[in-house]
């Protein structure tokens, strides 16, 4: 069980290394796994009793060549599979043999990986030494970090000051450049003003002439506008008088419309009366028609009965004569 735990821990720490050699390992273990699974089914169906001979189990040593280096590999056997004497029968499941095979292959691979310097050390000692070195390195790193904390704080403070000074210097340089540009512009403007007074005078004279011309044109336009305003005022007076006459006509038409509306209402009332009278006459006509129908029906029925009786009497008289 300890060996399996060590395998799991090492697997979790060396997943990235195993990803590269995963295909090779699967090719090695694949046939054994298939055979073990087939045998496992047969064992579950019927347990087999195996007789083993009393041969003392000893750890064997073998030598392999990997990249020109001789590496000793120890085969690890579990105590559960050891047989102390002859003639003892045990029910050995195939699963245990398969686990032992996988464990041996895994330990062989790890032995090949970690057997560069120390040959006689076991895998557990190698892992223990590696963990100790890791712990020592971590402690040294933590101590160095603790020592370097004050120096880092002072370095950061100096760095902040330096950044602030650099920013201030950049700002001052920018302000100085802006002032220099302003001074150069002012000098250029003063030179232009001193060198071009005559041009300004000629431009002023030309603009004054333009202003005079524009003022004369504006006066002419004002006179024209005044004439147009007088004409438009006369037209407005005429329009107002026409509007008054139109309003009077509208009032007269509205009065006539009112009279016509009253006449229309009276005519509608008369029509209502006539319609009522017509409805009454229609009802009376219907009643008279119904009465005449009933009278005619009664008379026709009487006539038919008399005719039928007459025929019956005539037939009887003819029969009696015969």
Protein backbone atom coordinates (compact mmCIF):
# COMPACT_ATOMS: atom_id res chain seq x y z
CA UNK A 1 0.00 0.00 0.00
CA UNK A 2 2.87 2.41 0.75
CA UNK A 3 4.33 1.72 -2.67
CA UNK A 4 0.99 2.50 -4.32
CA UNK A 5 0.73 5.79 -2.38
CA UNK A 6 4.23 6.78 -3.48
CA UNK A 7 3.25 5.97 -7.05
CA UNK A 8 0.17 8.20 -6.82
CA UNK A 9 2.14 11.11 -5.28
CA UNK A 10 4.86 10.85 -7.91
CA UNK A 11 2.24 10.64 -10.64
CA UNK A 12 0.59 13.88 -9.45
CA UNK A 13 3.97 15.69 -9.40
CA UNK A 14 5.26 14.36 -12.74
CA UNK A 15 2.14 14.47 -14.94
CA UNK A 16 3.88 16.67 -17.48
CA UNK A 17 6.80 14.21 -17.77
CA UNK A 18 4.57 11.18 -18.14
CA UNK A 19 2.50 12.82 -20.94
CA UNK A 20 5.46 12.49 -23.33
CA UNK A 21 6.09 8.78 -22.63
CA UNK A 22 2.45 7.72 -22.23
CA UNK A 23 2.22 6.02 -25.62
CA UNK A 24 5.30 3.83 -24.93
CA UNK A 25 3.96 2.74 -21.53
CA UNK A 26 0.56 1.84 -22.98
CA UNK A 27 2.22 -0.31 -25.64
CA UNK A 28 4.17 -2.17 -22.95
CA UNK A 29 1.25 -2.81 -20.60
CA UNK A 30 -1.56 -3.24 -23.16
CA UNK A 31 -1.23 -7.01 -23.89
CA UNK A 32 -0.73 -7.82 -20.21
CA UNK A 33 -3.86 -5.85 -19.26
CA UNK A 34 -5.96 -7.63 -21.90
CA UNK A 35 -4.75 -11.04 -20.79
CA UNK A 36 -5.28 -10.20 -17.12
CA UNK A 37 -8.85 -9.00 -17.75
CA UNK A 38 -9.71 -12.21 -19.63
CA UNK A 39 -8.28 -14.30 -16.82
CA UNK A 40 -10.04 -12.13 -14.23
CA UNK A 41 -13.45 -13.03 -15.73
CA UNK A 42 -12.61 -16.74 -15.55
CA UNK A 43 -11.47 -16.37 -11.92
CA UNK A 44 -14.70 -14.59 -10.93
CA UNK A 45 -16.78 -17.35 -12.51
CA UNK A 46 -14.84 -20.22 -10.87
CA UNK A 47 -11.98 -19.80 -8.35
CA UNK A 48 -8.99 -22.00 -9.19
CA UNK A 49 -6.76 -23.79 -6.70
CA UNK A 50 -3.06 -23.47 -7.54
CA UNK A 51 -0.32 -25.71 -6.18
CA UNK A 52 3.01 -24.00 -5.79
CA UNK A 53 6.38 -25.51 -5.09
CA UNK A 54 8.46 -24.66 -2.11
CA UNK A 55 11.16 -22.61 -3.77
CA UNK A 56 12.69 -19.84 -1.67
CA UNK A 57 12.02 -16.44 -3.13
CA UNK A 58 15.09 -14.24 -3.52
CA UNK A 59 15.41 -10.76 -4.96
CA UNK A 60 16.98 -11.01 -8.40
CA UNK A 61 19.26 -8.44 -9.95
CA UNK A 62 19.40 -7.72 -13.66
CA UNK A 63 21.44 -5.32 -15.75
CA UNK A 64 20.22 -3.18 -18.71
CA UNK A 65 21.88 -0.73 -21.01
CA UNK A 66 20.14 2.62 -21.42
CA UNK A 67 22.15 5.13 -23.51
CA UNK A 68 25.43 3.38 -22.76
CA UNK A 69 25.00 3.24 -18.96
CA UNK A 70 24.54 0.07 -16.90
CA UNK A 71 21.65 0.32 -14.49
CA UNK A 72 20.77 -2.25 -11.84
CA UNK A 73 17.08 -2.98 -11.47
CA UNK A 74 15.58 -4.58 -8.38
CA UNK A 75 12.40 -6.59 -8.65
CA UNK A 76 9.99 -5.86 -5.83
CA UNK A 77 7.74 -8.70 -4.71
CA UNK A 78 4.83 -8.28 -2.31
CA UNK A 79 4.71 -10.33 0.88
CA UNK A 80 1.19 -11.48 0.16
CA UNK A 81 2.40 -13.61 -2.76
CA UNK A 82 5.29 -15.31 -0.87
CA UNK A 83 4.98 -19.13 -0.29
CA UNK A 84 6.94 -20.44 2.74
CA UNK A 85 6.63 -24.24 2.32
CA UNK A 86 5.61 -26.98 -0.14
CA UNK A 87 2.15 -28.47 -0.53
CA UNK A 88 0.24 -25.35 0.57
CA UNK A 89 -2.73 -24.54 -1.65
CA UNK A 90 -3.87 -20.93 -1.97
CA UNK A 91 -6.58 -19.17 -3.99
CA UNK A 92 -4.54 -16.53 -5.76
CA UNK A 93 -6.69 -14.05 -7.74
CA UNK A 94 -5.36 -12.88 -11.03
CA UNK A 95 -5.90 -9.25 -10.01
CA UNK A 96 -3.06 -9.40 -7.45
CA UNK A 97 -0.63 -10.78 -10.05
CA UNK A 98 -1.64 -8.06 -12.48
CA UNK A 99 -1.10 -5.33 -9.83
CA UNK A 100 2.34 -6.78 -8.99
CA UNK A 101 3.27 -6.76 -12.68
CA UNK A 102 2.22 -3.14 -13.10
CA UNK A 103 4.08 -2.14 -9.91
CA UNK A 104 7.26 -3.84 -11.10
CA UNK A 105 7.11 -2.15 -14.49
CA UNK A 106 6.46 1.25 -12.89
CA UNK A 107 9.36 0.84 -10.42
CA UNK A 108 11.66 -0.27 -13.25
CA UNK A 109 10.87 2.89 -15.18
CA UNK A 110 11.38 5.13 -12.15
CA UNK A 111 14.61 3.31 -11.28
CA UNK A 112 15.92 3.98 -14.78
CA UNK A 113 14.97 7.66 -14.43
CA UNK A 114 16.50 8.33 -10.99
CA UNK A 115 19.50 5.93 -11.05
CA UNK A 116 22.14 8.30 -12.46
CA UNK A 117 24.31 8.96 -9.38
CA UNK A 118 23.31 6.51 -6.62
CA UNK A 119 22.89 2.85 -7.64
CA UNK A 120 22.38 1.15 -4.27
CA UNK A 121 19.65 3.55 -3.03
CA UNK A 122 16.00 2.53 -3.18
CA UNK A 123 13.24 4.52 -4.85
CA UNK A 124 11.83 5.61 -1.47
CA UNK A 125 15.22 7.02 -0.39
CA UNK A 126 15.56 8.88 -3.69
CA UNK A 127 12.14 10.48 -3.25
CA UNK A 128 12.94 11.32 0.37
CA UNK A 129 16.21 13.01 -0.59
CA UNK A 130 14.45 14.97 -3.33
CA UNK A 131 11.77 16.19 -0.89
CA UNK A 132 14.42 17.19 1.66
CA UNK A 133 16.33 19.17 -0.95
CA UNK A 134 13.10 20.85 -2.02
CA UNK A 135 12.28 21.82 1.59
CA UNK A 136 15.81 23.22 2.14
CA UNK A 137 15.68 25.21 -1.09
CA UNK A 138 12.25 26.60 -0.17
CA UNK A 139 13.54 27.66 3.28
CA UNK A 140 16.57 29.39 1.73
CA UNK A 141 14.36 31.18 -0.79
CA UNK A 142 12.01 32.37 1.98
CA UNK A 143 14.98 33.66 4.03
CA UNK A 144 16.36 35.52 1.02
CA UNK A 145 12.95 37.03 0.36
CA UNK A 146 12.70 38.20 3.99
CA UNK A 147 16.13 39.82 3.76
CA UNK A 148 15.33 41.48 0.46
CA UNK A 149 11.99 42.99 1.63
CA UNK A 150 13.44 46.21 3.22
CA UNK A 151 15.78 46.76 0.29
CA UNK A 152 12.87 46.34 -2.11
CA UNK A 153 10.77 48.84 -0.13
CA UNK A 154 13.56 51.43 -0.21
CA UNK A 155 14.13 50.73 -3.90
CA UNK A 156 10.44 51.26 -4.63
CA UNK A 157 10.39 54.55 -2.68
CA UNK A 158 13.46 55.81 -4.56
CA UNK A 159 11.91 54.70 -7.81
CA UNK A 160 8.70 56.64 -7.04
CA UNK A 161 10.73 59.77 -6.21
CA UNK A 162 12.71 59.41 -9.41
CA UNK A 163 9.52 59.02 -11.45
CA UNK A 164 8.02 62.14 -9.82
CA UNK A 165 11.18 64.17 -10.50
CA UNK A 166 11.25 62.98 -14.12
CA UNK A 167 7.60 63.97 -14.56
CA UNK A 168 8.25 67.41 -13.04
CA UNK A 169 11.24 67.91 -15.30
CA UNK A 170 9.21 66.92 -18.37
CA UNK A 171 6.45 69.35 -17.38
CA UNK A 172 8.94 72.18 -16.85
CA UNK A 173 10.56 71.47 -20.23
CA UNK A 174 7.14 71.55 -21.90
CA UNK A 175 6.28 74.88 -20.22
CA UNK A 176 9.65 76.33 -21.29
CA UNK A 177 9.13 75.24 -24.88
CA UNK A 178 5.66 76.84 -24.88
CA UNK A 179 7.08 80.12 -23.53
CA UNK A 180 9.82 80.10 -26.16
CA UNK A 181 7.27 79.63 -28.91
CA UNK A 182 5.15 82.49 -27.52
CA UNK A 183 8.19 84.80 -27.40
CA UNK A 184 9.12 83.92 -30.99
CA UNK A 185 5.58 84.60 -32.15
CA UNK A 186 5.51 87.98 -30.35
CA UNK A 187 8.82 88.97 -31.94
CA UNK A 188 7.56 88.01 -35.39
CA UNK A 189 4.36 90.02 -34.85
CA UNK A 190 6.28 93.11 -33.69
CA UNK A 191 8.59 92.89 -36.72
CA UNK A 192 5.60 92.61 -39.02
CA UNK A 193 3.90 95.63 -37.40
CA UNK A 194 7.05 97.76 -37.69
CA UNK A 195 7.76 96.75 -41.29
CA UNK A 196 4.19 97.18 -42.63
CA UNK A 197 2.74 100.57 -41.53
CA UNK A 198 2.32 101.82 -45.11
CA UNK A 199 0.49 98.66 -46.09
CA UNK A 200 -1.88 99.19 -43.16
CA UNK A 201 -2.53 102.79 -44.29
CA UNK A 202 -3.29 101.78 -47.88
CA UNK A 203 -5.58 99.02 -46.61
CA UNK A 204 -7.32 101.54 -44.34
CA UNK A 205 -7.88 103.95 -47.26
CA UNK A 206 -9.26 101.18 -49.45
CA UNK A 207 -11.58 100.03 -46.67
CA UNK A 208 -12.76 103.63 -46.04
CA UNK A 209 -13.64 103.97 -49.75
CA UNK A 210 -15.54 100.72 -49.58
CA UNK A 211 -17.40 101.98 -46.50
CA UNK A 212 -18.38 105.21 -48.28
CA UNK A 213 -19.69 103.29 -51.26
CA UNK A 214 -21.62 100.94 -49.03
CA UNK A 215 -23.16 103.85 -47.07
CA UNK A 216 -24.36 105.53 -50.33
CA UNK A 217 -25.87 102.24 -51.52
CA UNK A 218 -27.53 101.76 -48.13
CA UNK A 219 -29.14 105.23 -48.32
CA UNK A 220 -30.50 104.46 -51.80
CA UNK A 221 -31.89 101.15 -50.56
CA UNK A 222 -33.51 102.89 -47.57
CA UNK A 223 -35.32 105.31 -49.90
CA UNK A 224 -36.54 102.42 -52.04
CA UNK A 225 -37.71 100.58 -48.92
CA UNK A 226 -39.65 103.66 -47.74
CA UNK A 227 -41.46 103.92 -51.10
CA UNK A 228 -42.30 100.22 -50.96
CA UNK A 229 -43.57 100.61 -47.39
CA UNK A 230 -45.93 103.44 -48.44
CA UNK A 231 -47.34 101.33 -51.28
CA UNK A 232 -47.78 98.37 -48.98
CA UNK A 233 -49.53 100.58 -46.38
CA UNK A 234 -52.06 101.68 -49.00
CA UNK A 235 -52.62 98.07 -50.00
CA UNK A 236 -53.14 97.14 -46.35
CA UNK A 237 -55.81 99.84 -45.98
CA UNK A 238 -57.59 98.51 -49.05
CA UNK A 239 -57.33 94.96 -47.75
CA UNK A 240 -58.77 96.02 -44.39
CA UNK A 241 -61.78 97.71 -46.05
CA UNK A 242 -62.34 94.62 -48.20
CA UNK A 243 -62.09 92.46 -45.10
CA UNK A 244 -64.75 94.58 -43.34
CA UNK A 245 -67.13 94.23 -46.30
CA UNK A 246 -66.48 90.49 -46.35
CA UNK A 247 -67.28 90.26 -42.65
CA UNK A 248 -70.59 92.08 -43.21
CA UNK A 249 -71.47 89.67 -46.01
CA UNK A 250 -70.58 86.75 -43.78
CA UNK A 251 -72.90 88.06 -41.05
CA UNK A 252 -75.77 88.44 -43.54
CA UNK A 253 -75.20 84.94 -44.86
CA UNK A 254 -75.13 83.55 -41.34
CA UNK A 255 -78.50 85.24 -40.62
CA UNK A 256 -79.96 83.75 -43.77
CA UNK A 257 -78.56 80.36 -42.81
CA UNK A 258 -80.26 80.67 -39.41
CA UNK A 259 -83.60 81.42 -41.03
CA UNK A 260 -83.17 78.51 -43.42
CA UNK A 261 -82.31 76.24 -40.49
CA UNK A 262 -85.53 77.25 -38.69
CA UNK A 263 -87.53 76.63 -41.85
CA UNK A 264 -85.84 73.29 -42.23
CA UNK A 265 -86.69 72.33 -38.66
CA UNK A 266 -90.34 73.29 -39.24
CA UNK A 267 -90.42 71.24 -42.45
CA UNK A 268 -88.91 68.30 -40.58
CA UNK A 269 -91.63 68.58 -37.93
CA UNK A 270 -94.31 68.63 -40.65
CA UNK A 271 -92.69 65.60 -42.26
CA UNK A 272 -92.79 63.81 -38.93
CA UNK A 273 -96.52 64.56 -38.59
CA UNK A 274 -97.20 63.38 -42.15
CA UNK A 275 -95.22 60.20 -41.53
CA UNK A 276 -97.24 59.54 -38.37
CA UNK A 277 -100.48 60.01 -40.29
CA UNK A 278 -99.24 57.72 -43.06
CA UNK A 279 -98.36 55.03 -40.55
CA UNK A 280 -101.83 55.30 -39.03
CA UNK A 281 -103.44 55.04 -42.47
CA UNK A 282 -101.30 52.01 -43.28
CA UNK A 283 -102.35 50.31 -40.05
CA UNK A 284 -106.00 51.05 -40.83
CA UNK A 285 -105.62 49.70 -44.38
CA UNK A 286 -104.02 46.54 -43.03
CA UNK A 287 -106.87 46.06 -40.56
CA UNK A 288 -109.47 46.57 -43.31
CA UNK A 289 -107.66 44.11 -45.56
CA UNK A 290 -107.58 41.51 -42.82
CA UNK A 291 -111.30 42.00 -42.13
CA UNK A 292 -112.22 41.75 -45.83
CA UNK A 293 -110.09 38.61 -46.15
CA UNK A 294 -111.82 36.93 -43.23
CA UNK A 295 -115.27 37.86 -44.65
CA UNK A 296 -114.39 36.61 -48.13
CA UNK A 297 -112.97 33.38 -46.75
CA UNK A 298 -116.16 32.74 -44.77
CA UNK A 299 -118.37 33.43 -47.80
CA UNK A 300 -116.27 31.14 -50.03
CA UNK A 301 -116.43 28.37 -47.47
CA UNK A 302 -120.24 28.70 -47.29
CA UNK A 303 -120.51 28.58 -51.05
CA UNK A 304 -118.31 25.51 -51.23
CA UNK A 305 -120.31 23.74 -48.55
CA UNK A 306 -123.60 24.51 -50.36
CA UNK A 307 -122.15 23.27 -53.64
CA UNK A 308 -120.91 20.07 -52.03
CA UNK A 309 -124.27 19.46 -50.40
CA UNK A 310 -126.07 20.07 -53.69
CA UNK A 311 -123.82 17.55 -55.48
CA UNK A 312 -124.44 14.98 -52.75
CA UNK A 313 -128.21 15.45 -53.02
CA UNK A 314 -128.09 15.20 -56.81
CA UNK A 315 -126.09 11.98 -56.64
CA UNK A 316 -128.52 10.50 -54.11
CA UNK A 317 -131.53 11.37 -56.25
CA UNK A 318 -129.88 9.82 -59.29
CA UNK A 319 -129.13 6.68 -57.31
CA UNK A 320 -132.69 6.38 -56.01
CA UNK A 321 -134.10 6.79 -59.52
CA UNK A 322 -131.92 4.01 -60.83
